[in-house]
Protein backbone atom coordinates (compact mmCIF):
# COMPACT_ATOMS: atom_id res chain seq x y z
CA UNK A 1 -12.03 -22.25 12.88
CA UNK A 2 -9.03 -24.57 12.82
CA UNK A 3 -5.43 -23.93 13.77
CA UNK A 4 -2.79 -26.21 12.24
CA UNK A 5 0.53 -27.11 13.83
CA UNK A 6 1.68 -29.91 11.52
CA UNK A 7 4.82 -29.31 9.50
CA UNK A 8 3.03 -30.15 6.25
CA UNK A 9 -0.67 -30.23 5.51
CA UNK A 10 -3.03 -29.66 2.64
CA UNK A 11 -4.69 -26.25 2.46
CA UNK A 12 -8.48 -26.69 2.44
CA UNK A 13 -10.38 -25.62 -0.65
CA UNK A 14 -12.54 -23.31 1.50
CA UNK A 15 -9.57 -21.03 2.20
CA UNK A 16 -7.75 -21.35 -1.11
CA UNK A 17 -10.37 -19.30 -2.98
CA UNK A 18 -10.12 -16.27 -0.64
CA UNK A 19 -6.33 -16.41 -1.09
CA UNK A 20 -6.77 -16.41 -4.86
CA UNK A 21 -9.19 -13.48 -4.73
CA UNK A 22 -6.96 -11.34 -2.55
CA UNK A 23 -4.03 -12.20 -4.81
CA UNK A 24 -5.99 -10.88 -7.79
CA UNK A 25 -6.80 -7.67 -5.91
CA UNK A 26 -3.17 -7.11 -4.91
CA UNK A 27 -2.03 -7.83 -8.46
CA UNK A 28 -4.57 -5.33 -9.80
CA UNK A 29 -3.28 -2.73 -7.35
CA UNK A 30 0.33 -3.07 -8.45
CA UNK A 31 -0.56 -3.41 -12.13
CA UNK A 32 -2.33 -0.06 -11.85
CA UNK A 33 0.72 1.47 -10.16
CA UNK A 34 2.99 0.27 -12.97
CA UNK A 35 0.49 1.48 -15.56
CA UNK A 36 0.38 4.96 -14.03
CA UNK A 37 4.17 5.13 -13.87
CA UNK A 38 4.35 4.14 -17.56
CA UNK A 39 1.80 6.77 -18.56
CA UNK A 40 3.62 9.39 -16.52
CA UNK A 41 6.85 8.54 -18.30
CA UNK A 42 5.15 8.94 -21.68
CA UNK A 43 3.81 12.36 -20.71
CA UNK A 44 6.74 13.82 -18.78
CA UNK A 45 9.77 11.66 -19.55
CA UNK A 46 9.84 10.57 -15.88
CA UNK A 47 8.23 7.42 -14.52
CA UNK A 48 6.80 9.21 -11.45
CA UNK A 49 10.12 8.63 -9.64
CA UNK A 50 9.75 4.87 -9.96
CA UNK A 51 13.50 4.93 -9.36
CA UNK A 52 13.94 7.79 -6.87
CA UNK A 53 16.53 10.44 -7.62
CA UNK A 54 18.02 10.54 -4.12
CA UNK A 55 20.32 7.78 -2.77
CA UNK A 56 18.27 6.85 0.30
CA UNK A 57 15.17 6.48 -1.85
CA UNK A 58 17.03 4.14 -4.20
CA UNK A 59 18.21 2.05 -1.24
CA UNK A 60 14.70 1.83 0.21
CA UNK A 61 13.37 0.79 -3.19
CA UNK A 62 15.83 -2.12 -3.23
CA UNK A 63 14.44 -3.24 0.14
CA UNK A 64 10.86 -2.71 -0.94
CA UNK A 65 10.85 -4.54 -4.27
CA UNK A 66 11.19 -8.10 -2.88
CA UNK A 67 8.51 -7.26 -0.31
CA UNK A 68 6.11 -6.28 -3.08
CA UNK A 69 6.88 -9.35 -5.20
CA UNK A 70 6.30 -11.68 -2.25
CA UNK A 71 3.11 -9.79 -1.41
CA UNK A 72 1.84 -10.41 -4.94
CA UNK A 73 2.98 -14.02 -5.26
CA UNK A 74 2.25 -15.57 -1.87
CA UNK A 75 -1.58 -15.50 -2.10
CA UNK A 76 -1.33 -17.40 -5.40
CA UNK A 77 0.99 -19.97 -3.81
CA UNK A 78 -1.59 -20.55 -1.08
CA UNK A 79 -4.37 -20.78 -3.63
CA UNK A 80 -2.67 -23.07 -6.13
CA UNK A 81 -0.19 -25.22 -4.17
CA UNK A 82 -1.86 -27.89 -2.03
CA UNK A 83 1.04 -28.44 0.36
CA UNK A 84 3.29 -25.37 0.45
CA UNK A 85 6.45 -25.15 2.58
CA UNK A 86 5.93 -24.37 6.25
CA UNK A 87 6.81 -20.67 5.92
CA UNK A 88 4.06 -20.31 3.30
CA UNK A 89 1.40 -22.25 5.21
CA UNK A 90 -1.46 -20.36 6.89
CA UNK A 91 -1.39 -20.49 10.68
CA UNK A 92 -5.20 -20.72 10.80
CA UNK A 93 -8.17 -21.49 8.57
CA UNK A 94 -11.28 -19.39 9.16
CA UNK A 95 -13.12 -18.85 5.85
CA UNK A 96 -15.56 -16.24 7.19
CA UNK A 97 -12.73 -13.98 8.36
CA UNK A 98 -10.74 -14.60 5.21
CA UNK A 99 -13.68 -13.66 2.97
CA UNK A 100 -14.22 -10.51 5.04
CA UNK A 101 -10.59 -9.68 4.36
CA UNK A 102 -11.20 -10.06 0.62
CA UNK A 103 -14.06 -7.56 0.82
CA UNK A 104 -11.82 -5.17 2.76
CA UNK A 105 -9.09 -5.53 0.12
CA UNK A 106 -11.55 -4.70 -2.68
CA UNK A 107 -12.75 -1.61 -0.79
CA UNK A 108 -9.16 -0.50 -0.18
CA UNK A 109 -8.37 -0.81 -3.89
CA UNK A 110 -11.50 1.13 -4.87
CA UNK A 111 -10.71 3.92 -2.40
CA UNK A 112 -7.10 4.05 -3.57
CA UNK A 113 -8.24 4.62 -7.15
CA UNK A 114 -10.12 7.69 -5.92
CA UNK A 115 -6.94 8.97 -4.27
CA UNK A 116 -4.87 8.33 -7.40
CA UNK A 117 -7.39 10.25 -9.48
CA UNK A 118 -7.33 13.16 -7.03
CA UNK A 119 -3.53 13.29 -7.13
CA UNK A 120 -3.51 13.50 -10.92
CA UNK A 121 -0.20 14.78 -12.29
CA UNK A 122 1.17 15.24 -8.77
CA UNK A 123 1.23 11.48 -8.09
CA UNK A 124 4.76 10.20 -7.45
CA UNK A 125 6.33 6.98 -6.14
CA UNK A 126 9.44 8.60 -4.70
CA UNK A 127 11.19 11.83 -3.86
CA UNK A 128 13.05 14.02 -6.31
CA UNK A 129 14.63 16.90 -4.33
CA UNK A 130 14.76 19.04 -7.49
CA UNK A 131 11.09 18.60 -8.38
CA UNK A 132 8.19 20.74 -7.21
CA UNK A 133 4.69 19.26 -7.54
CA UNK A 134 1.33 20.83 -6.82
CA UNK A 135 0.23 20.39 -3.21
CA UNK A 136 -3.02 18.38 -3.16
CA UNK A 137 -5.14 19.06 -0.08
CA UNK A 138 -8.67 18.35 -1.34
CA UNK A 139 -10.81 15.23 -1.53
CA UNK A 140 -9.39 12.45 0.67
CA UNK A 141 -6.33 14.65 1.30
CA UNK A 142 -8.49 17.12 3.22
CA UNK A 143 -8.85 14.46 5.93
CA UNK A 144 -5.64 12.38 5.76
CA UNK A 145 -2.18 13.48 4.64
CA UNK A 146 -1.26 10.05 3.22
CA UNK A 147 -4.50 8.29 2.23
CA UNK A 148 -2.73 6.12 -0.35
CA UNK A 149 -0.26 4.87 2.26
CA UNK A 150 -3.07 4.39 4.77
CA UNK A 151 -5.03 2.33 2.25
CA UNK A 152 -1.91 0.37 1.29
CA UNK A 153 -1.62 -0.52 4.97
CA UNK A 154 -5.26 -1.64 4.98
CA UNK A 155 -4.66 -3.72 1.86
CA UNK A 156 -1.65 -5.37 3.46
CA UNK A 157 -3.57 -6.13 6.68
CA UNK A 158 -6.37 -7.61 4.57
CA UNK A 159 -3.86 -9.78 2.72
CA UNK A 160 -2.34 -11.06 5.96
CA UNK A 161 -5.80 -11.84 7.27
CA UNK A 162 -6.72 -13.77 4.14
CA UNK A 163 -3.29 -15.45 3.86
CA UNK A 164 -1.97 -15.68 7.45
CA UNK A 165 1.34 -17.36 6.60
CA UNK A 166 4.52 -16.63 8.61
CA UNK A 167 6.29 -15.21 5.54
CA UNK A 168 3.34 -12.93 4.76
CA UNK A 169 3.32 -11.68 8.35
CA UNK A 170 7.03 -10.86 8.08
CA UNK A 171 6.48 -9.10 4.75
CA UNK A 172 3.61 -7.11 6.25
CA UNK A 173 5.76 -5.88 9.14
CA UNK A 174 8.50 -4.71 6.76
CA UNK A 175 6.02 -3.05 4.40
CA UNK A 176 4.21 -1.19 7.18
CA UNK A 177 7.47 0.03 8.71
CA UNK A 178 8.73 1.23 5.33
CA UNK A 179 5.46 3.07 4.72
CA UNK A 180 5.84 4.87 8.04
CA UNK A 181 9.42 5.84 7.21
CA UNK A 182 8.60 6.96 3.67
CA UNK A 183 5.64 9.07 4.82
CA UNK A 184 7.85 11.00 7.21
CA UNK A 185 10.53 11.47 4.57
CA UNK A 186 7.97 12.83 2.14
CA UNK A 187 6.65 15.23 4.76
CA UNK A 188 10.11 16.66 5.34
CA UNK A 189 10.53 17.07 1.57
CA UNK A 190 7.13 18.73 1.13
CA UNK A 191 7.76 21.03 4.07
CA UNK A 192 11.00 22.16 2.44
CA UNK A 193 9.23 22.71 -0.89
CA UNK A 194 5.93 24.27 0.21
CA UNK A 195 6.97 25.84 3.51
CA UNK A 196 4.43 27.22 6.00
CA UNK A 197 1.40 26.19 3.95
CA UNK A 198 2.33 22.52 4.22
CA UNK A 199 3.29 22.86 7.89
CA UNK A 200 -0.15 24.36 8.58
CA UNK A 201 -1.72 21.49 6.66
CA UNK A 202 0.17 18.94 8.78
CA UNK A 203 -1.03 20.57 11.98
CA UNK A 204 -4.66 20.30 10.92
CA UNK A 205 -4.78 16.99 9.04
CA UNK A 206 -3.81 13.57 10.43
CA UNK A 207 -1.05 11.50 8.87
CA UNK A 208 -2.92 8.20 8.38
CA UNK A 209 -6.16 8.70 10.32
CA UNK A 210 -8.55 11.67 10.22
CA UNK A 211 -8.43 14.05 13.15
CA UNK A 212 -11.94 15.10 12.22
CA UNK A 213 -14.43 14.12 9.54
CA UNK A 214 -15.03 17.77 8.75
CA UNK A 215 -12.73 19.37 6.21
CA UNK A 216 -11.18 22.29 8.08
CA UNK A 217 -8.10 23.01 5.97
CA UNK A 218 -8.33 25.82 3.45
CA UNK A 219 -5.39 26.21 1.03
CA UNK A 220 -3.73 29.59 1.01
CA UNK A 221 -4.58 31.73 -1.99
């Protein structure tokens, strides 16, 4: 392991490849999100609330977009630019840890695809107060209320581990805080839409981590 303190230095080849791989995984994640939004727009006339209907959601999306673009681009900068600016330089080089982070990123993407498939037509990127979607409480959602957000957090942590640059760390903090905020906003919306059934679900199922690995929630019939 080596820690670098110089203002400018050349990124070793041994750590540029993990950065490239995690960049490809993150790009695949967001390409899939855009693809699903496009397909949803073709089917329903709405792009899965890609631009949220409510004002706060629109404001949060303006904050979130540059975070996502930096998240996508920065691994490629580290992989392709030999001597990036200081804010883009990794604070350590440890190939074994960085490759482990790549594996974690791939697993997070694979698990997220399962969650997307389970959500089906109920998948949304934002809140529309006038829209009522089906409450999904099976599959991964029987154990965690926000598995997609939880896995997005894992993917971001994996990216930071593979590309430990100061700018990426800052982006990660913003992204993780916004995920926490958005999850709570969605819960308030779903509680207003689905009422006691969703409140009972929240009491039994953890927000980002399972309270139990046994599925104990049974939807009301």
